[in-house]
Amino acid sequence: MSWLRENWRVATLALLLVASSVALFAPGVGASGGSGGAAGGQQATAASGPTNLNYGLELSGGVRLRATVTGVTAEGVDVTVDNEAAISEEVAAALDVERGDVRARPAGDTVEVYQDVEPSALADALTAAGYEPDTTRVGVTQATRDNIVNIIGSKVDATGFGGADVTDIETQTGDRTHYIVVEVPGQNASQVQSLIEGRGEVELWAYYPGDNGTQQNETVLRGEELVEVDQPDRNRQGRPIVPVQLSQDAAERFASDMQRYGFTSQQGISNCQFPDGGYCLLTMLDGEEVYNASMGPTLAPDLQSGDFVNNPTFTITANSMEEARTLQVNLQAGALPAELQFQDSYYVSPSFADRYKPLTLVTGIAAAIAVALMVFLRYGEPKVAIPMVFTALSEVVILLGFAAVSGLALDLSHLAGFIAVIGTGVDDLVIIADEVMTEQVSSSRVFQSRFRKALWVIGAAAATTIIAMSPLAVLSLGDLRGFALITILGVLVGVIVTRPAYGDVLRRLLTDNR
C-alpha cells in the first residue's frame, strides 16, 4: 500500500491504459458496440475492423451534405405569451400558408414563416396586423436551426449510421449564410438525402363518404400526439406494422372522431376501396399517402365502448418493412419545422478512403520512431529515454480509447492532432528531464523541487496551447476543429496524468527513492 500511495500517478496512468485498451479492442465495447442491428439494415463503420474506432469520411468514405433552411424571419416584433397565437394565425391567413408554418417566439421577439416567401411580404402582413417589425430577413432563428440539428441527429442515430455528425455552420464572409451540414460515413448521398430531405410529418387521415356521394379527408392524428413508438414488427397477416401509443387527450379525440365519421358503424368496418370510396385510414408522410387500411373489426368496438381510451395503443401498417422503419424514425425524431434546400454534396468513395488507413498508420509509426531516435540521441541513457517514449505514446492510446468510447469519427485532421500530441508531449518530458538532470540528484527532496519547477513551465505552456486552440475547436472551421480538439485533449491528459507519472518514474530511477 505504501508503494501505491507514493506512486499513485503511475497507477492512474496504468489504469487508464488498461481501460483504453478494453475500449479499443473488447467486442461490444464503445459507443457503437451495439449498432450492428440498427433499423434499416445499415451497419456502423466501427465494427468492421479489429478495433471499436469510428472513422470519418476521409478514412471510410461517405457523404457530406450541405443545406439551407427554407424560411423568413421578422425581428423586433412585440410578441408576448398572450398574443403569439393570434400573430401566428393572422400572418398565416395573410400569407396563405398553413398555421403550423408560422412561429411567433416571445423569447426573441421574432416571427418565422417556414415557407419560401419574400421578407417584404412578411413585413406587410405584420404591419397589417398592427405589429411593426424592426427588420425582416431570409433565414430562420438559431432556436429553429438547433431544433433541426437535434431532429436530424436523432433520425441519423436511429438508423445506426456510425460516426455521423450534424452541425450548424455559418459562412464567415458575404451574407454570412447558415448551413446545416450532415456527414455520414459509409453511405451515399441518395441514402442520406432520402432520410432527411422531407420534413418527416406523419399524419393519419380519415377518408370517408361525405354528402352528395363525395369523399372527405380529415386529419385525426398527428405525429407529435404519439407518445411512444415501438420497433417495427409484423402482424398475423405478415404485414409490417409500427406499434404506437397515444396521449390521453389524443386518444379521446381520436375515438370521438372515428365514431362521428362513421368508422365504428357496421358499414364503416373493413370497407376501404381507396381511392374509389369507403372508409379508410390513410397514413400520410409529408402529405403523401403511404398506406391505406380499413378500420379493423377489433379496434372499432373498443373505440365505440370507450375501452380504447383506457389503453390507447394501436398499430400503423405500412407496405414494406423499409417503409415501416422510415415511419418509426420520423415518429420518434419528430417532424422538421421547415424544409431543407440541399445546396451541394461531397462524396468520398469507400475504396478510395481505405487507401488512407495504412498510410496514416505508417505515418504515425514513423513519427513515433523519429521521436524515439531523437530522444535516445539526446540522452543516451535507456532508463531516461525509454520511459519518456512510452509515456508519450501512452497519451495516444488514452486518446484513442476516448475516441472509441465517445464514438468520435476519426479523420485525417484528428490523426494530425495525434502526431502533434506526440511532439508536444515529448517536448514537455524533455523539459522535465533537463530540469531534474542539470546537476546530480542527491535526494527525493531535491528531485521534487526541480520537478515542481518544470511542471510550472509545462503548465504555463499547456494553458497557452489550450487558449490558442480553443477558437479553432469552437468556431465552424471544418477540419481544423478536429485537429484542435485532439490537441487540447492531449494537452489536458498530459498535464493531469502522464507528465506527473513520468516524474514519479524518473524519481525512482534517479534517486533510488532516497
Protein backbone atom coordinates (compact mmCIF):
# COMPACT_ATOMS: atom_id res chain seq x y z
CA MET A 1 0.00 0.00 0.00
CA SER A 2 2.88 2.35 0.70
CA TRP A 3 4.13 1.94 -2.90
CA LEU A 4 0.67 2.68 -4.26
CA ARG A 5 0.38 5.75 -2.08
CA GLU A 6 3.74 7.07 -3.26
CA ASN A 7 3.21 6.21 -6.93
CA TRP A 8 -0.50 6.78 -7.39
CA ARG A 9 0.15 8.80 -10.55
CA VAL A 10 1.82 5.80 -12.20
CA ALA A 11 -1.06 3.59 -11.04
CA THR A 12 -3.57 6.04 -12.52
CA LEU A 13 -1.73 6.00 -15.86
CA ALA A 14 -1.67 2.19 -15.87
CA LEU A 15 -5.39 2.05 -15.07
CA LEU A 16 -6.21 4.46 -17.91
CA LEU A 17 -4.09 2.42 -20.33
CA VAL A 18 -5.93 -0.77 -19.39
CA ALA A 19 -9.33 0.92 -19.68
CA SER A 20 -8.38 2.45 -23.04
CA SER A 21 -7.20 -0.93 -24.35
CA VAL A 22 -10.50 -2.51 -23.32
CA ALA A 23 -12.44 0.29 -25.00
CA LEU A 24 -10.38 -0.15 -28.17
CA PHE A 25 -10.36 -3.91 -28.57
CA ALA A 26 -13.03 -5.59 -26.42
CA PRO A 27 -16.01 -6.76 -28.55
CA GLY A 28 -19.22 -4.86 -27.96
CA VAL A 29 -17.50 -2.07 -26.03
CA GLY A 30 -17.56 1.53 -27.17
CA ALA A 31 -20.16 3.98 -28.41
CA SER A 32 -21.01 1.88 -31.46
CA GLY A 33 -20.68 -1.54 -29.98
CA GLY A 34 -24.35 -2.36 -30.32
CA SER A 35 -25.10 -0.77 -33.64
CA GLY A 36 -24.97 -3.87 -35.76
CA GLY A 37 -28.71 -4.44 -35.63
CA ALA A 38 -29.82 -0.93 -36.37
CA ALA A 39 -33.02 -0.13 -38.17
CA GLY A 40 -32.83 -0.11 -41.89
CA GLY A 41 -30.16 -2.79 -42.02
CA GLN A 42 -27.34 -0.22 -42.12
CA GLN A 43 -24.14 -1.20 -40.39
CA ALA A 44 -21.99 1.21 -38.47
CA THR A 45 -18.46 1.72 -39.66
CA ALA A 46 -16.90 1.00 -36.28
CA ALA A 47 -17.43 -2.76 -36.05
CA SER A 48 -15.84 -3.57 -39.40
CA GLY A 49 -12.20 -3.63 -38.16
CA PRO A 50 -10.15 -5.04 -35.27
CA THR A 51 -10.89 -2.01 -33.09
CA ASN A 52 -14.00 -0.20 -31.87
CA LEU A 53 -12.99 3.05 -33.55
CA ASN A 54 -15.28 5.02 -35.81
CA TYR A 55 -13.83 6.55 -38.96
CA GLY A 56 -14.96 9.69 -40.73
CA LEU A 57 -15.38 10.47 -44.39
CA GLU A 58 -11.69 10.66 -45.24
CA LEU A 59 -10.89 7.23 -43.78
CA SER A 60 -14.05 5.23 -44.53
CA GLY A 61 -15.75 7.09 -47.37
CA GLY A 62 -19.19 8.62 -47.20
CA VAL A 63 -21.08 11.77 -47.93
CA ARG A 64 -21.26 15.33 -46.66
CA LEU A 65 -24.48 17.21 -47.48
CA ARG A 66 -24.96 20.95 -47.04
CA ALA A 67 -28.41 22.54 -46.94
CA THR A 68 -30.07 25.83 -46.11
CA VAL A 69 -33.33 26.10 -44.16
CA THR A 70 -36.35 27.48 -46.00
CA GLY A 71 -37.93 30.41 -44.18
CA VAL A 72 -38.00 34.12 -43.42
CA THR A 73 -37.79 35.87 -40.06
CA ALA A 74 -39.09 39.17 -38.72
CA GLU A 75 -37.20 40.58 -35.74
CA GLY A 76 -38.16 43.20 -33.21
CA VAL A 77 -41.83 42.20 -33.10
CA ASP A 78 -43.65 42.73 -29.80
CA VAL A 79 -44.51 39.06 -29.18
CA THR A 80 -45.92 38.02 -25.83
CA VAL A 81 -47.34 34.80 -24.43
CA ASP A 82 -50.83 36.27 -24.78
CA ASN A 83 -50.61 37.35 -28.44
CA GLU A 84 -48.27 34.75 -30.01
CA ALA A 85 -51.16 32.53 -31.16
CA ALA A 86 -53.07 35.48 -32.64
CA ILE A 87 -49.98 36.73 -34.50
CA SER A 88 -49.35 33.28 -35.99
CA GLU A 89 -52.95 32.93 -37.14
CA GLU A 90 -53.14 36.41 -38.70
CA VAL A 91 -49.79 36.05 -40.51
CA ALA A 92 -50.72 32.58 -41.79
CA ALA A 93 -54.01 33.91 -43.14
CA ALA A 94 -52.38 36.95 -44.75
CA LEU A 95 -49.65 34.88 -46.47
CA ASP A 96 -51.98 31.97 -47.30
CA VAL A 97 -49.80 29.36 -45.56
CA GLU A 98 -50.56 26.66 -43.02
CA ARG A 99 -50.87 27.73 -39.40
CA GLY A 100 -48.09 25.32 -38.47
CA ASP A 101 -45.69 27.12 -40.85
CA VAL A 102 -45.72 30.28 -38.72
CA ARG A 103 -43.97 30.53 -35.37
CA ALA A 104 -44.03 33.57 -33.09
CA ARG A 105 -41.39 33.46 -30.35
CA PRO A 106 -41.88 35.68 -27.27
CA ALA A 107 -38.36 34.88 -26.06
CA GLY A 108 -36.69 36.55 -29.03
CA ASP A 109 -39.48 38.85 -30.26
CA THR A 110 -39.35 37.10 -33.63
CA VAL A 111 -41.88 35.75 -36.11
CA GLU A 112 -40.80 33.00 -38.51
CA VAL A 113 -42.52 31.69 -41.63
CA TYR A 114 -41.26 28.29 -42.77
CA GLN A 115 -42.12 28.83 -46.42
CA ASP A 116 -40.43 30.47 -49.40
CA VAL A 117 -41.99 33.95 -49.14
CA GLU A 118 -40.49 37.38 -49.59
CA PRO A 119 -39.32 39.22 -46.44
CA SER A 120 -41.32 42.24 -47.60
CA ALA A 121 -44.50 40.13 -47.69
CA LEU A 122 -43.95 39.09 -44.07
CA ALA A 123 -43.33 42.71 -43.10
CA ASP A 124 -46.58 43.80 -44.82
CA ALA A 125 -48.54 41.00 -43.12
CA LEU A 126 -47.27 42.01 -39.68
CA THR A 127 -47.88 45.71 -40.36
CA ALA A 128 -51.44 44.97 -41.45
CA ALA A 129 -51.98 43.03 -38.22
CA GLY A 130 -50.77 46.01 -36.17
CA TYR A 131 -47.20 44.88 -35.47
CA GLU A 132 -44.18 46.78 -36.77
CA PRO A 133 -41.06 44.59 -37.19
CA ASP A 134 -37.63 46.20 -36.93
CA THR A 135 -36.16 44.02 -39.71
CA THR A 136 -37.11 41.09 -41.91
CA ARG A 137 -34.62 38.73 -43.50
CA VAL A 138 -34.26 35.44 -45.30
CA GLY A 139 -33.47 32.60 -42.89
CA VAL A 140 -34.68 31.23 -39.57
CA THR A 141 -33.67 31.78 -35.94
CA GLN A 142 -30.91 29.99 -34.07
CA ALA A 143 -33.52 28.16 -31.97
CA THR A 144 -35.07 26.68 -35.11
CA ARG A 145 -31.68 25.65 -36.50
CA ASP A 146 -30.76 23.99 -33.21
CA ASN A 147 -34.06 22.10 -33.28
CA ILE A 148 -33.40 20.93 -36.84
CA VAL A 149 -29.89 19.75 -35.91
CA ASN A 150 -31.30 17.75 -32.97
CA ILE A 151 -34.07 16.18 -35.06
CA ILE A 152 -31.76 15.19 -37.94
CA GLY A 153 -29.24 13.87 -35.42
CA SER A 154 -31.97 11.71 -33.88
CA LYS A 155 -33.00 10.42 -37.30
CA VAL A 156 -29.44 9.58 -38.28
CA ASP A 157 -28.76 7.91 -34.91
CA ALA A 158 -31.92 5.81 -35.21
CA THR A 159 -30.67 4.30 -38.47
CA GLY A 160 -27.39 3.13 -36.91
CA PHE A 161 -25.10 5.11 -39.22
CA GLY A 162 -21.77 5.06 -37.36
CA GLY A 163 -19.69 8.21 -36.96
CA ALA A 164 -22.38 10.56 -38.30
CA ASP A 165 -22.28 14.25 -37.45
CA VAL A 166 -24.85 17.05 -37.86
CA THR A 167 -23.78 20.66 -37.34
CA ASP A 168 -24.94 24.21 -37.96
CA ILE A 169 -22.23 26.32 -39.58
CA GLU A 170 -22.10 29.93 -40.69
CA THR A 171 -20.07 31.38 -43.55
CA GLN A 172 -17.60 33.99 -42.34
CA THR A 173 -17.82 36.22 -45.42
CA GLY A 174 -20.52 37.83 -47.55
CA ASP A 175 -24.07 37.47 -46.28
CA ARG A 176 -22.99 35.03 -43.51
CA THR A 177 -25.37 32.29 -44.61
CA HIS A 178 -26.17 29.48 -42.20
CA TYR A 179 -25.96 25.87 -43.41
CA ILE A 180 -26.99 22.57 -41.90
CA VAL A 181 -24.13 20.14 -42.62
CA VAL A 182 -24.73 16.39 -42.37
CA GLU A 183 -21.77 13.99 -42.56
CA VAL A 184 -22.45 10.25 -42.71
CA PRO A 185 -19.51 7.86 -43.28
CA GLY A 186 -20.02 4.75 -45.37
CA GLN A 187 -23.21 5.93 -47.11
CA ASN A 188 -24.03 7.64 -50.39
CA ALA A 189 -25.85 10.91 -50.99
CA SER A 190 -29.15 9.38 -52.11
CA GLN A 191 -29.47 7.24 -48.95
CA VAL A 192 -28.83 10.13 -46.59
CA GLN A 193 -30.83 12.70 -48.52
CA SER A 194 -33.87 10.42 -48.75
CA LEU A 195 -33.76 10.08 -44.97
CA ILE A 196 -33.74 13.79 -44.17
CA GLU A 197 -34.96 15.73 -47.21
CA GLY A 198 -38.65 15.59 -46.21
CA ARG A 199 -39.99 17.29 -43.12
CA GLY A 200 -40.98 13.91 -41.69
CA GLU A 201 -44.56 14.90 -40.90
CA VAL A 202 -46.64 11.80 -40.19
CA GLU A 203 -50.41 12.12 -40.01
CA LEU A 204 -53.42 9.79 -40.01
CA TRP A 205 -56.30 10.91 -42.19
CA ALA A 206 -59.89 9.73 -42.06
CA TYR A 207 -61.16 9.14 -45.63
CA TYR A 208 -64.92 8.64 -45.56
CA PRO A 209 -68.12 9.25 -47.57
CA GLY A 210 -69.50 12.77 -47.30
CA ASP A 211 -72.56 14.49 -48.63
CA ASN A 212 -73.76 14.04 -52.24
CA GLY A 213 -71.57 11.00 -52.80
CA THR A 214 -68.27 12.82 -52.28
CA GLN A 215 -65.32 11.58 -50.20
CA GLN A 216 -63.98 13.68 -47.29
CA ASN A 217 -60.50 13.92 -45.75
CA GLU A 218 -59.94 14.88 -42.12
CA THR A 219 -56.73 14.74 -40.08
CA VAL A 220 -57.40 12.63 -36.99
CA LEU A 221 -53.86 12.16 -35.61
CA ARG A 222 -50.51 13.94 -35.89
CA GLY A 223 -47.08 12.56 -35.21
CA GLU A 224 -46.50 14.62 -32.06
CA GLU A 225 -49.59 13.04 -30.46
CA LEU A 226 -47.95 9.61 -30.49
CA VAL A 227 -46.19 9.45 -27.13
CA GLU A 228 -44.48 6.07 -27.59
CA VAL A 229 -43.29 4.32 -30.73
CA ASP A 230 -42.04 0.72 -30.67
CA GLN A 231 -39.80 -1.13 -33.10
CA PRO A 232 -41.45 -2.24 -36.37
CA ASP A 233 -42.95 -5.72 -36.28
CA ARG A 234 -45.31 -7.87 -38.35
CA ASN A 235 -48.95 -8.65 -37.67
CA ARG A 236 -50.62 -12.03 -38.03
CA GLN A 237 -51.07 -11.49 -41.74
CA GLY A 238 -47.34 -10.79 -42.11
CA ARG A 239 -47.74 -7.07 -42.85
CA PRO A 240 -45.17 -4.61 -41.40
CA ILE A 241 -46.59 -2.56 -38.53
CA VAL A 242 -45.41 0.17 -36.17
CA PRO A 243 -46.98 -0.10 -32.68
CA VAL A 244 -47.78 3.31 -31.17
CA GLN A 245 -49.38 4.71 -28.05
CA LEU A 246 -51.43 7.94 -27.98
CA SER A 247 -51.61 10.63 -25.37
CA GLN A 248 -54.79 10.65 -23.30
CA ASP A 249 -56.21 13.77 -24.97
CA ALA A 250 -55.39 12.47 -28.43
CA ALA A 251 -56.99 9.10 -27.66
CA GLU A 252 -60.26 10.72 -26.57
CA ARG A 253 -60.37 12.95 -29.64
CA PHE A 254 -59.44 10.06 -31.97
CA ALA A 255 -62.22 7.83 -30.58
CA SER A 256 -64.75 10.67 -30.87
CA ASP A 257 -63.75 11.45 -34.48
CA MET A 258 -63.91 7.82 -35.57
CA GLN A 259 -67.41 7.50 -34.21
CA ARG A 260 -68.53 10.81 -35.71
CA TYR A 261 -67.20 9.94 -39.18
CA GLY A 262 -68.91 6.54 -39.14
CA PHE A 263 -65.85 4.28 -38.86
CA THR A 264 -67.30 2.31 -35.95
CA SER A 265 -70.59 1.60 -37.66
CA GLN A 266 -71.27 -1.70 -39.41
CA GLN A 267 -70.65 -0.23 -42.86
CA GLY A 268 -67.50 1.56 -41.69
CA ILE A 269 -65.65 -1.61 -40.68
CA SER A 270 -63.45 -3.36 -43.27
CA ASN A 271 -64.89 -1.25 -46.05
CA CYS A 272 -62.00 0.57 -47.72
CA GLN A 273 -61.78 0.84 -51.52
CA PHE A 274 -59.24 3.62 -51.70
CA PRO A 275 -59.24 5.81 -53.77
CA ASP A 276 -62.68 4.92 -55.08
CA GLY A 277 -64.55 5.25 -51.80
CA GLY A 278 -65.39 3.62 -48.50
CA TYR A 279 -63.99 4.19 -45.02
CA CYS A 280 -60.19 4.29 -44.98
CA LEU A 281 -57.50 5.30 -42.53
CA LEU A 282 -54.69 6.85 -44.56
CA THR A 283 -51.11 7.02 -43.30
CA MET A 284 -49.61 10.21 -44.73
CA LEU A 285 -45.89 11.06 -44.79
CA ASP A 286 -45.13 14.65 -45.79
CA GLY A 287 -48.57 14.94 -47.34
CA GLU A 288 -48.29 11.79 -49.46
CA GLU A 289 -50.30 8.64 -48.85
CA VAL A 290 -48.02 5.70 -47.99
CA TYR A 291 -50.64 3.22 -46.80
CA ASN A 292 -54.40 2.85 -46.59
CA ALA A 293 -56.37 0.41 -44.47
CA SER A 294 -59.86 -0.34 -43.26
CA MET A 295 -60.99 0.08 -39.68
CA GLY A 296 -60.32 -3.28 -38.02
CA PRO A 297 -63.18 -5.29 -36.51
CA THR A 298 -61.37 -5.48 -33.15
CA LEU A 299 -60.43 -1.78 -32.87
CA ALA A 300 -63.90 -0.45 -33.77
CA PRO A 301 -65.71 -1.95 -30.74
CA ASP A 302 -63.01 -0.59 -28.40
CA LEU A 303 -63.46 2.88 -29.86
CA GLN A 304 -67.24 2.61 -29.53
CA SER A 305 -67.25 1.31 -25.94
CA GLY A 306 -64.51 3.60 -24.59
CA ASP A 307 -62.06 0.78 -23.83
CA PHE A 308 -59.59 2.32 -26.29
CA VAL A 309 -59.22 5.45 -24.14
CA ASN A 310 -58.14 3.30 -21.18
CA ASN A 311 -55.49 1.56 -23.31
CA PRO A 312 -54.76 3.92 -26.24
CA THR A 313 -52.49 1.69 -28.31
CA PHE A 314 -52.82 0.55 -31.92
CA THR A 315 -50.60 -0.10 -34.95
CA ILE A 316 -49.82 1.84 -38.12
CA THR A 317 -49.48 -0.50 -41.08
CA ALA A 318 -47.01 0.00 -43.93
CA ASN A 319 -46.44 -1.63 -47.31
CA SER A 320 -42.88 -2.73 -46.55
CA MET A 321 -40.55 -3.12 -43.61
CA GLU A 322 -38.37 -0.35 -45.00
CA GLU A 323 -41.39 1.95 -45.05
CA ALA A 324 -42.26 0.92 -41.50
CA ARG A 325 -38.74 1.79 -40.33
CA THR A 326 -38.97 5.18 -42.03
CA LEU A 327 -42.26 5.84 -40.22
CA GLN A 328 -40.73 4.80 -36.91
CA VAL A 329 -37.72 7.09 -37.37
CA ASN A 330 -39.93 10.07 -38.27
CA LEU A 331 -42.31 9.42 -35.39
CA GLN A 332 -39.51 9.08 -32.85
CA ALA A 333 -37.42 12.02 -34.02
CA GLY A 334 -40.31 14.35 -34.83
CA ALA A 335 -41.01 16.49 -37.85
CA LEU A 336 -38.66 19.18 -39.09
CA PRO A 337 -40.15 22.64 -38.56
CA ALA A 338 -39.00 23.73 -42.04
CA GLU A 339 -37.85 22.19 -45.30
CA LEU A 340 -34.21 21.91 -46.27
CA GLN A 341 -32.82 23.10 -49.58
CA PHE A 342 -29.78 20.99 -50.42
CA GLN A 343 -27.00 23.08 -51.94
CA ASP A 344 -24.20 20.61 -52.64
CA SER A 345 -22.73 17.28 -51.61
CA TYR A 346 -19.23 15.91 -51.16
CA TYR A 347 -18.75 12.17 -51.68
CA VAL A 348 -15.68 10.05 -50.97
CA SER A 349 -15.61 6.51 -52.34
CA PRO A 350 -15.01 3.90 -49.59
CA SER A 351 -12.44 2.13 -51.75
CA PHE A 352 -10.55 5.40 -52.19
CA ALA A 353 -10.75 6.25 -48.48
CA ASP A 354 -9.41 2.82 -47.49
CA ARG A 355 -6.08 3.74 -49.06
CA TYR A 356 -5.50 6.35 -46.37
CA LYS A 357 -5.77 3.97 -43.42
CA PRO A 358 -2.45 2.13 -43.93
CA LEU A 359 -0.77 5.41 -44.90
CA THR A 360 -1.88 7.10 -41.68
CA LEU A 361 -0.72 4.08 -39.66
CA VAL A 362 2.68 4.23 -41.33
CA THR A 363 2.87 7.98 -40.73
CA GLY A 364 2.09 7.54 -37.04
CA ILE A 365 4.66 4.78 -36.62
CA ALA A 366 7.28 6.84 -38.48
CA ALA A 367 6.60 9.81 -36.20
CA ALA A 368 6.96 7.65 -33.09
CA ILE A 369 10.23 6.11 -34.33
CA ALA A 370 11.65 9.52 -35.23
CA VAL A 371 10.80 10.87 -31.80
CA ALA A 372 12.32 7.81 -30.09
CA LEU A 373 15.57 8.13 -32.07
CA MET A 374 15.94 11.81 -31.23
CA VAL A 375 15.31 11.11 -27.55
CA PHE A 376 17.96 8.37 -27.47
CA LEU A 377 20.44 10.60 -29.29
CA ARG A 378 19.75 13.42 -26.83
CA TYR A 379 20.15 11.45 -23.59
CA GLY A 380 21.91 8.20 -24.47
CA GLU A 381 20.52 6.61 -21.32
CA PRO A 382 17.79 3.98 -21.83
CA LYS A 383 16.49 4.47 -18.27
CA VAL A 384 15.60 8.07 -19.19
CA ALA A 385 14.66 7.67 -22.86
CA ILE A 386 12.51 4.50 -22.71
CA PRO A 387 10.04 5.82 -20.07
CA MET A 388 9.91 9.09 -21.97
CA VAL A 389 8.91 7.45 -25.26
CA PHE A 390 6.49 5.07 -23.51
CA THR A 391 4.81 7.95 -21.67
CA ALA A 392 4.43 10.00 -24.85
CA LEU A 393 2.85 7.07 -26.72
CA SER A 394 0.56 6.27 -23.80
CA GLU A 395 -1.18 9.62 -24.37
CA VAL A 396 -2.12 8.46 -27.87
CA VAL A 397 -3.54 5.19 -26.50
CA ILE A 398 -5.63 7.07 -23.93
CA LEU A 399 -6.95 9.46 -26.59
CA LEU A 400 -7.83 6.53 -28.89
CA GLY A 401 -9.71 4.92 -26.01
CA PHE A 402 -11.63 8.16 -25.51
CA ALA A 403 -12.45 8.23 -29.23
CA ALA A 404 -13.76 4.65 -29.07
CA VAL A 405 -15.96 5.33 -26.04
CA SER A 406 -17.33 8.64 -27.29
CA GLY A 407 -17.91 7.47 -30.87
CA LEU A 408 -15.70 10.22 -32.29
CA ALA A 409 -15.31 9.69 -36.05
CA LEU A 410 -11.59 9.91 -36.78
CA ASP A 411 -10.47 11.83 -39.85
CA LEU A 412 -7.10 12.99 -41.13
CA SER A 413 -7.37 16.16 -39.03
CA HIS A 414 -7.68 14.07 -35.85
CA LEU A 415 -4.68 11.96 -36.84
CA ALA A 416 -2.66 15.14 -37.40
CA GLY A 417 -3.66 16.08 -33.86
CA PHE A 418 -2.34 12.74 -32.55
CA ILE A 419 1.03 13.41 -34.18
CA ALA A 420 1.06 16.90 -32.65
CA VAL A 421 0.28 15.36 -29.25
CA ILE A 422 3.32 13.08 -29.54
CA GLY A 423 5.53 16.04 -30.37
CA THR A 424 4.24 18.36 -27.62
CA GLY A 425 4.27 15.50 -25.13
CA VAL A 426 7.93 14.73 -25.75
CA ASP A 427 8.77 18.45 -25.56
CA ASP A 428 7.29 18.60 -22.07
CA LEU A 429 9.03 15.41 -20.99
CA VAL A 430 12.35 16.80 -22.24
CA ILE A 431 11.76 19.90 -20.10
CA ILE A 432 11.23 17.65 -17.07
CA ALA A 433 14.30 15.53 -17.77
CA ASP A 434 16.58 18.50 -18.45
CA GLU A 435 15.41 20.35 -15.35
CA VAL A 436 15.94 17.47 -12.91
CA MET A 437 19.22 16.30 -14.53
CA THR A 438 21.03 19.64 -14.73
CA GLU A 439 23.05 18.55 -11.69
CA GLN A 440 23.45 15.38 -9.70
CA VAL A 441 20.22 14.46 -7.94
CA SER A 442 21.13 13.80 -4.32
CA SER A 443 17.70 13.09 -2.83
CA SER A 444 13.98 12.91 -3.48
CA ARG A 445 13.57 16.36 -1.93
CA VAL A 446 15.95 17.89 -4.48
CA PHE A 447 14.20 16.00 -7.27
CA GLN A 448 10.74 17.18 -6.19
CA SER A 449 11.90 20.79 -6.06
CA ARG A 450 13.25 20.65 -9.61
CA PHE A 451 10.26 18.67 -10.83
CA ARG A 452 7.77 21.22 -9.50
CA LYS A 453 9.68 23.97 -11.25
CA ALA A 454 9.43 22.05 -14.54
CA LEU A 455 5.71 21.45 -14.02
CA TRP A 456 5.12 25.20 -13.69
CA VAL A 457 6.75 25.74 -17.06
CA ILE A 458 4.76 22.88 -18.61
CA GLY A 459 1.51 24.15 -17.09
CA ALA A 460 2.04 27.63 -18.50
CA ALA A 461 2.80 26.19 -21.94
CA ALA A 462 -0.29 23.96 -21.75
CA ALA A 463 -2.51 26.91 -20.84
CA THR A 464 -1.13 28.86 -23.78
CA THR A 465 -1.81 25.94 -26.15
CA ILE A 466 -5.37 25.49 -24.90
CA ILE A 467 -6.14 29.21 -25.21
CA ALA A 468 -4.69 29.29 -28.74
CA MET A 469 -6.58 26.19 -29.86
CA SER A 470 -9.93 26.98 -28.23
CA PRO A 471 -11.22 29.26 -31.03
CA LEU A 472 -10.43 26.55 -33.59
CA ALA A 473 -12.33 23.98 -31.52
CA VAL A 474 -15.39 26.22 -31.13
CA LEU A 475 -15.70 28.02 -34.46
CA SER A 476 -17.08 26.34 -37.59
CA LEU A 477 -13.76 25.97 -39.36
CA GLY A 478 -14.12 22.48 -40.82
CA ASP A 479 -11.24 20.07 -40.30
CA LEU A 480 -9.35 22.48 -38.05
CA ARG A 481 -11.87 21.71 -35.33
CA GLY A 482 -10.82 18.05 -35.17
CA PHE A 483 -7.14 18.96 -35.00
CA ALA A 484 -7.74 21.47 -32.21
CA LEU A 485 -9.95 19.08 -30.23
CA ILE A 486 -7.38 16.28 -30.16
CA THR A 487 -4.57 18.70 -29.34
CA ILE A 488 -6.47 20.20 -26.39
CA LEU A 489 -7.44 16.78 -25.03
CA GLY A 490 -3.86 15.57 -25.42
CA VAL A 491 -2.51 18.56 -23.51
CA LEU A 492 -5.02 18.01 -20.69
CA VAL A 493 -4.23 14.30 -20.42
CA GLY A 494 -0.51 15.13 -20.41
CA VAL A 495 -0.63 17.79 -17.70
CA ILE A 496 -3.05 15.89 -15.45
CA VAL A 497 -1.82 12.31 -15.88
CA THR A 498 1.22 11.44 -18.00
CA ARG A 499 3.72 14.21 -17.07
CA PRO A 500 3.30 13.66 -13.31
CA ALA A 501 3.50 9.87 -13.85
CA TYR A 502 6.77 10.29 -15.78
CA GLY A 503 8.08 12.38 -12.91
CA ASP A 504 7.39 9.53 -10.47
CA VAL A 505 9.16 7.04 -12.74
CA LEU A 506 12.16 9.35 -13.16
CA ARG A 507 12.35 9.94 -9.42
CA ARG A 508 12.65 6.24 -8.68
CA LEU A 509 15.25 5.75 -11.43
CA LEU A 510 17.46 8.68 -10.47
CA THR A 511 17.20 8.82 -6.68
CA ASP A 512 16.84 5.18 -5.62
CA ASN A 513 13.83 6.52 -3.69
CA ARG A 514 16.07 8.35 -1.20
